[in-house]
N, C-alpha and C. Protein backbone atom coordinates (compact mmCIF):
# COMPACT_ATOMS: atom_id res chain seq x y z
N MET A 1 140.02 146.96 105.94
CA MET A 1 139.92 146.71 104.51
C MET A 1 140.99 147.54 103.80
N PRO A 2 141.69 146.95 102.86
CA PRO A 2 142.72 147.68 102.14
C PRO A 2 142.14 148.66 101.12
N LEU A 3 143.02 149.47 100.55
CA LEU A 3 142.65 150.41 99.51
C LEU A 3 143.52 150.13 98.30
N THR A 4 142.87 150.00 97.15
CA THR A 4 143.57 149.88 95.88
C THR A 4 143.35 151.18 95.13
N ILE A 5 144.45 151.70 94.57
CA ILE A 5 144.40 152.98 93.86
C ILE A 5 144.90 152.75 92.45
N LYS A 6 144.08 153.12 91.47
CA LYS A 6 144.50 153.02 90.07
C LYS A 6 144.49 154.42 89.48
N VAL A 7 145.68 154.89 89.07
CA VAL A 7 145.81 156.22 88.48
C VAL A 7 145.94 156.06 86.97
N THR A 8 145.05 156.71 86.24
CA THR A 8 145.08 156.66 84.77
C THR A 8 145.22 158.09 84.26
N ARG A 9 146.35 158.35 83.60
CA ARG A 9 146.57 159.67 83.00
C ARG A 9 146.10 159.58 81.55
N HIS A 10 145.02 160.30 81.24
CA HIS A 10 144.45 160.28 79.90
C HIS A 10 145.25 161.13 78.93
N ASP A 11 145.76 162.23 79.44
CA ASP A 11 146.62 163.14 78.69
C ASP A 11 147.33 163.99 79.74
N PRO A 12 148.21 164.90 79.35
CA PRO A 12 148.96 165.66 80.37
C PRO A 12 148.08 166.47 81.33
N ARG A 13 146.87 166.78 80.93
CA ARG A 13 146.01 167.63 81.75
C ARG A 13 144.95 166.88 82.56
N ARG A 14 144.64 165.63 82.21
CA ARG A 14 143.49 164.93 82.78
C ARG A 14 143.88 163.56 83.35
N VAL A 15 143.47 163.34 84.63
CA VAL A 15 143.79 162.11 85.35
C VAL A 15 142.53 161.56 86.01
N THR A 16 142.36 160.24 85.95
CA THR A 16 141.29 159.58 86.71
C THR A 16 141.95 158.70 87.77
N ILE A 17 141.41 158.78 88.98
CA ILE A 17 141.91 157.97 90.08
C ILE A 17 140.75 157.11 90.59
N ALA A 18 140.86 155.81 90.41
CA ALA A 18 139.84 154.87 90.87
C ALA A 18 140.25 154.34 92.24
N LEU A 19 139.32 154.41 93.19
CA LEU A 19 139.57 153.94 94.54
C LEU A 19 138.72 152.71 94.81
N VAL A 20 139.35 151.67 95.33
CA VAL A 20 138.65 150.42 95.63
C VAL A 20 138.95 150.05 97.08
N GLY A 21 137.90 149.86 97.87
CA GLY A 21 138.08 149.42 99.25
C GLY A 21 137.72 150.50 100.26
N SER A 22 138.64 150.75 101.19
CA SER A 22 138.38 151.65 102.32
C SER A 22 139.42 152.77 102.35
N LEU A 23 138.93 154.01 102.37
CA LEU A 23 139.81 155.17 102.50
C LEU A 23 139.66 155.66 103.93
N ASP A 24 140.61 155.26 104.77
CA ASP A 24 140.52 155.53 106.20
C ASP A 24 141.88 155.97 106.75
N THR A 25 142.01 155.98 108.05
CA THR A 25 143.24 156.42 108.70
C THR A 25 144.44 155.60 108.25
N ASN A 26 144.26 154.31 108.08
CA ASN A 26 145.37 153.44 107.69
C ASN A 26 145.74 153.56 106.22
N THR A 27 144.76 153.84 105.36
CA THR A 27 145.01 153.84 103.92
C THR A 27 145.18 155.22 103.30
N SER A 28 144.76 156.27 104.02
CA SER A 28 144.85 157.61 103.43
C SER A 28 146.28 158.03 103.08
N PRO A 29 147.31 157.62 103.84
CA PRO A 29 148.67 157.96 103.42
C PRO A 29 149.04 157.39 102.05
N HIS A 30 148.47 156.24 101.69
CA HIS A 30 148.72 155.64 100.38
C HIS A 30 148.15 156.53 99.27
N LEU A 31 146.95 157.06 99.52
CA LEU A 31 146.36 157.96 98.53
C LEU A 31 147.16 159.25 98.43
N GLU A 32 147.60 159.77 99.57
CA GLU A 32 148.44 160.98 99.54
C GLU A 32 149.68 160.75 98.68
N SER A 33 150.31 159.60 98.84
CA SER A 33 151.52 159.27 98.06
C SER A 33 151.20 159.15 96.57
N ALA A 34 150.07 158.53 96.26
CA ALA A 34 149.68 158.38 94.85
C ALA A 34 149.32 159.72 94.22
N LEU A 35 148.76 160.63 95.03
CA LEU A 35 148.36 161.94 94.52
C LEU A 35 149.53 162.90 94.32
N LYS A 36 150.60 162.69 95.08
CA LYS A 36 151.72 163.63 95.02
C LYS A 36 152.22 163.87 93.60
N PRO A 37 152.57 162.84 92.83
CA PRO A 37 153.04 163.13 91.47
C PRO A 37 151.96 163.72 90.56
N VAL A 38 150.72 163.37 90.81
CA VAL A 38 149.62 163.92 90.02
C VAL A 38 149.48 165.41 90.29
N LEU A 39 149.47 165.77 91.56
CA LEU A 39 149.27 167.17 91.93
C LEU A 39 150.52 168.02 91.77
N ASP A 40 151.69 167.39 91.78
CA ASP A 40 152.93 168.13 91.54
C ASP A 40 153.11 168.50 90.08
N GLY A 41 152.40 167.78 89.20
CA GLY A 41 152.47 168.09 87.77
C GLY A 41 151.70 169.36 87.46
N ALA A 42 152.43 170.41 87.12
CA ALA A 42 151.79 171.71 86.87
C ALA A 42 150.76 171.66 85.75
N GLU A 43 150.91 170.70 84.84
CA GLU A 43 149.99 170.63 83.70
C GLU A 43 148.65 169.98 84.06
N THR A 44 148.59 169.27 85.18
CA THR A 44 147.34 168.61 85.58
C THR A 44 146.28 169.65 85.91
N ARG A 45 145.16 169.58 85.21
CA ARG A 45 144.06 170.53 85.41
C ARG A 45 142.75 169.88 85.81
N LEU A 46 142.63 168.56 85.58
CA LEU A 46 141.39 167.86 85.92
C LEU A 46 141.74 166.53 86.58
N VAL A 47 141.26 166.35 87.80
CA VAL A 47 141.43 165.07 88.50
C VAL A 47 140.03 164.56 88.83
N ILE A 48 139.74 163.39 88.31
CA ILE A 48 138.43 162.75 88.51
C ILE A 48 138.63 161.55 89.43
N PHE A 49 137.91 161.51 90.52
CA PHE A 49 137.95 160.37 91.42
C PHE A 49 136.77 159.48 91.11
N ASP A 50 137.04 158.25 90.71
CA ASP A 50 135.99 157.26 90.47
C ASP A 50 135.80 156.50 91.78
N LEU A 51 134.65 156.68 92.39
CA LEU A 51 134.36 156.11 93.71
C LEU A 51 133.42 154.91 93.64
N SER A 52 133.25 154.34 92.46
CA SER A 52 132.28 153.26 92.31
C SER A 52 132.58 152.04 93.18
N ASP A 53 133.85 151.82 93.52
CA ASP A 53 134.21 150.67 94.35
C ASP A 53 134.78 151.06 95.70
N LEU A 54 134.58 152.32 96.09
CA LEU A 54 134.98 152.76 97.43
C LEU A 54 133.85 152.39 98.38
N GLU A 55 134.17 151.58 99.39
CA GLU A 55 133.14 151.07 100.29
C GLU A 55 133.04 151.81 101.61
N PHE A 56 134.13 152.50 102.00
CA PHE A 56 134.13 153.19 103.29
C PHE A 56 135.00 154.44 103.19
N LEU A 57 134.58 155.52 103.86
CA LEU A 57 135.31 156.78 103.85
C LEU A 57 135.31 157.35 105.26
N SER A 58 136.51 157.60 105.80
CA SER A 58 136.63 158.19 107.13
C SER A 58 137.05 159.64 107.02
N SER A 59 137.16 160.30 108.17
CA SER A 59 137.58 161.70 108.19
C SER A 59 138.99 161.87 107.62
N ALA A 60 139.86 160.89 107.83
CA ALA A 60 141.21 160.97 107.27
C ALA A 60 141.16 160.96 105.74
N GLY A 61 140.29 160.16 105.18
CA GLY A 61 140.11 160.13 103.73
C GLY A 61 139.53 161.42 103.20
N ILE A 62 138.57 161.96 103.94
CA ILE A 62 137.96 163.24 103.55
C ILE A 62 139.04 164.32 103.49
N ARG A 63 139.92 164.33 104.49
CA ARG A 63 140.99 165.34 104.52
C ARG A 63 141.87 165.25 103.27
N VAL A 64 142.21 164.04 102.85
CA VAL A 64 143.05 163.88 101.66
C VAL A 64 142.32 164.41 100.42
N LEU A 65 141.05 164.08 100.30
CA LEU A 65 140.27 164.56 99.15
C LEU A 65 140.13 166.08 99.16
N LEU A 66 139.88 166.65 100.33
CA LEU A 66 139.75 168.10 100.43
C LEU A 66 141.07 168.81 100.13
N ALA A 67 142.18 168.22 100.54
CA ALA A 67 143.50 168.80 100.23
C ALA A 67 143.75 168.78 98.72
N ALA A 68 143.35 167.69 98.06
CA ALA A 68 143.51 167.60 96.60
C ALA A 68 142.65 168.66 95.92
N ARG A 69 141.43 168.81 96.40
CA ARG A 69 140.54 169.82 95.83
C ARG A 69 141.12 171.22 96.00
N LYS A 70 141.64 171.50 97.18
CA LYS A 70 142.23 172.81 97.46
C LYS A 70 143.44 173.06 96.54
N ASN A 71 144.27 172.05 96.36
CA ASN A 71 145.45 172.17 95.49
C ASN A 71 145.03 172.52 94.06
N LEU A 72 144.05 171.79 93.54
CA LEU A 72 143.59 172.03 92.17
C LEU A 72 142.92 173.39 92.03
N LYS A 73 142.10 173.75 93.00
CA LYS A 73 141.40 175.03 92.95
C LYS A 73 142.38 176.20 92.93
N ALA A 74 143.48 176.06 93.68
CA ALA A 74 144.48 177.13 93.76
C ALA A 74 145.11 177.42 92.40
N ARG A 75 145.13 176.43 91.52
CA ARG A 75 145.70 176.65 90.19
C ARG A 75 144.64 176.59 89.09
N GLU A 76 143.41 176.85 89.50
CA GLU A 76 142.27 176.89 88.60
C GLU A 76 142.02 175.56 87.89
N GLY A 77 142.31 174.48 88.60
CA GLY A 77 142.02 173.15 88.09
C GLY A 77 140.66 172.69 88.57
N VAL A 78 140.28 171.50 88.14
CA VAL A 78 138.95 170.96 88.47
C VAL A 78 139.12 169.63 89.21
N PHE A 79 138.39 169.53 90.31
CA PHE A 79 138.32 168.32 91.13
C PHE A 79 136.92 167.76 90.95
N ALA A 80 136.82 166.49 90.57
CA ALA A 80 135.50 165.89 90.37
C ALA A 80 135.46 164.49 90.95
N MET A 81 134.27 164.09 91.40
CA MET A 81 134.06 162.73 91.89
C MET A 81 132.88 162.16 91.14
N ARG A 82 132.93 160.85 90.90
CA ARG A 82 131.81 160.21 90.20
C ARG A 82 131.58 158.81 90.76
N ASN A 83 130.38 158.33 90.50
CA ASN A 83 129.99 156.94 90.80
C ASN A 83 130.09 156.56 92.27
N ALA A 84 129.79 157.47 93.17
CA ALA A 84 129.85 157.15 94.60
C ALA A 84 128.70 156.24 94.99
N GLN A 85 129.01 155.25 95.82
CA GLN A 85 127.98 154.38 96.37
C GLN A 85 127.15 155.18 97.38
N PRO A 86 125.95 154.71 97.70
CA PRO A 86 125.06 155.48 98.59
C PRO A 86 125.68 155.87 99.93
N GLN A 87 126.45 154.98 100.54
CA GLN A 87 127.02 155.30 101.84
C GLN A 87 128.09 156.39 101.74
N ILE A 88 128.79 156.46 100.62
CA ILE A 88 129.79 157.50 100.42
C ILE A 88 129.10 158.84 100.12
N THR A 89 128.07 158.80 99.30
CA THR A 89 127.28 160.00 99.03
C THR A 89 126.72 160.57 100.32
N LYS A 90 126.26 159.70 101.20
CA LYS A 90 125.70 160.12 102.48
C LYS A 90 126.73 160.86 103.32
N VAL A 91 127.97 160.39 103.32
CA VAL A 91 129.03 161.06 104.06
C VAL A 91 129.18 162.49 103.57
N PHE A 92 129.21 162.68 102.26
CA PHE A 92 129.36 164.03 101.72
C PHE A 92 128.13 164.89 102.00
N GLU A 93 126.95 164.30 102.03
CA GLU A 93 125.75 165.05 102.40
C GLU A 93 125.85 165.53 103.85
N VAL A 94 126.33 164.66 104.72
CA VAL A 94 126.48 165.01 106.14
C VAL A 94 127.50 166.13 106.29
N ILE A 95 128.62 166.01 105.62
CA ILE A 95 129.67 167.02 105.72
C ILE A 95 129.15 168.38 105.25
N GLN A 96 128.40 168.40 104.15
CA GLN A 96 127.85 169.67 103.65
C GLN A 96 126.83 170.26 104.62
N ALA A 97 126.16 169.41 105.37
CA ALA A 97 125.11 169.88 106.27
C ALA A 97 125.67 170.39 107.60
N LEU A 98 126.92 170.09 107.91
CA LEU A 98 127.48 170.49 109.19
C LEU A 98 127.70 172.01 109.22
N PRO A 99 127.30 172.67 110.29
CA PRO A 99 127.48 174.11 110.37
C PRO A 99 128.93 174.54 110.61
N GLY A 100 129.79 173.65 111.04
CA GLY A 100 131.19 173.98 111.30
C GLY A 100 132.01 172.72 111.44
N PHE A 101 133.31 172.91 111.62
CA PHE A 101 134.20 171.76 111.70
C PHE A 101 134.43 171.27 113.12
N ALA A 102 134.01 172.00 114.11
CA ALA A 102 134.32 171.67 115.51
C ALA A 102 133.18 170.94 116.20
N ILE A 103 132.42 170.18 115.49
CA ILE A 103 131.27 169.49 116.07
C ILE A 103 131.68 168.21 116.79
N PHE A 104 132.65 167.49 116.24
CA PHE A 104 133.06 166.22 116.82
C PHE A 104 134.25 166.42 117.75
N LYS A 105 134.28 165.68 118.85
CA LYS A 105 135.33 165.80 119.86
C LYS A 105 136.70 165.49 119.26
N ASP A 106 136.79 164.45 118.43
CA ASP A 106 138.06 164.06 117.83
C ASP A 106 137.80 163.19 116.61
N ASP A 107 138.87 162.75 115.93
CA ASP A 107 138.71 161.92 114.74
C ASP A 107 137.98 160.62 115.05
N ALA A 108 138.25 160.04 116.20
CA ALA A 108 137.61 158.77 116.54
C ALA A 108 136.10 158.94 116.64
N GLU A 109 135.66 160.03 117.25
CA GLU A 109 134.23 160.27 117.37
C GLU A 109 133.59 160.50 116.00
N MET A 110 134.27 161.29 115.16
CA MET A 110 133.74 161.55 113.83
C MET A 110 133.70 160.27 113.00
N ASP A 111 134.76 159.47 113.08
CA ASP A 111 134.80 158.22 112.32
C ASP A 111 133.71 157.26 112.76
N ALA A 112 133.45 157.20 114.07
CA ALA A 112 132.38 156.33 114.56
C ALA A 112 131.03 156.78 114.01
N TYR A 113 130.81 158.08 113.99
CA TYR A 113 129.56 158.63 113.44
C TYR A 113 129.44 158.31 111.96
N LEU A 114 130.52 158.55 111.20
CA LEU A 114 130.48 158.29 109.75
C LEU A 114 130.30 156.80 109.46
N ALA A 115 130.91 155.94 110.26
CA ALA A 115 130.74 154.50 110.07
C ALA A 115 129.27 154.11 110.27
N ASP A 116 128.63 154.67 111.29
CA ASP A 116 127.22 154.39 111.55
C ASP A 116 126.33 154.90 110.42
N VAL A 117 126.59 156.11 109.92
CA VAL A 117 125.82 156.68 108.82
C VAL A 117 125.93 155.79 107.59
N GLN A 118 127.16 155.34 107.29
CA GLN A 118 127.36 154.51 106.10
C GLN A 118 126.69 153.14 106.25
N LYS A 119 126.75 152.58 107.45
CA LYS A 119 126.11 151.29 107.69
C LYS A 119 124.60 151.39 107.45
N LYS A 120 124.01 152.47 107.96
CA LYS A 120 122.57 152.67 107.77
C LYS A 120 122.23 152.90 106.31
N ALA A 121 123.08 153.64 105.60
CA ALA A 121 122.83 153.92 104.19
C ALA A 121 122.89 152.65 103.34
N LYS A 122 123.69 151.68 103.79
CA LYS A 122 123.79 150.41 103.08
C LYS A 122 122.64 149.46 103.44
N GLY A 123 121.81 149.89 104.39
CA GLY A 123 120.68 149.06 104.80
C GLY A 123 120.98 148.15 105.95
N GLY A 124 122.06 148.43 106.67
CA GLY A 124 122.47 147.58 107.78
C GLY A 124 121.93 148.01 109.13
N GLY A 125 120.87 148.78 109.13
CA GLY A 125 120.28 149.11 110.42
C GLY A 125 120.28 150.50 110.69
């Protein structure tokens, strides 16, 4: 599934990024490219990710979001997410519950686990 990214700069300090589709290994480089000018702007202090139409999130997507959060935090900016669908919220709940980062053998194993969690959260079994 493709990823559509809509970047809306409300003013020099505040940006909303709407994600539609799948944020995965294939599409995460597109988000990284879209984020580069946003995060390179020293005046940017608030980045809001609108996840209302994000249907799938893999470990590669999580890495991009965490890197954006780290970038903003380093300059005392704010990273926020809103309107996540249940399967996306579940991914973040799982990530927060993990005792460490070395639980999964590799990205493929983690992605398979996250795909299963999201499928169940959507009511698919």
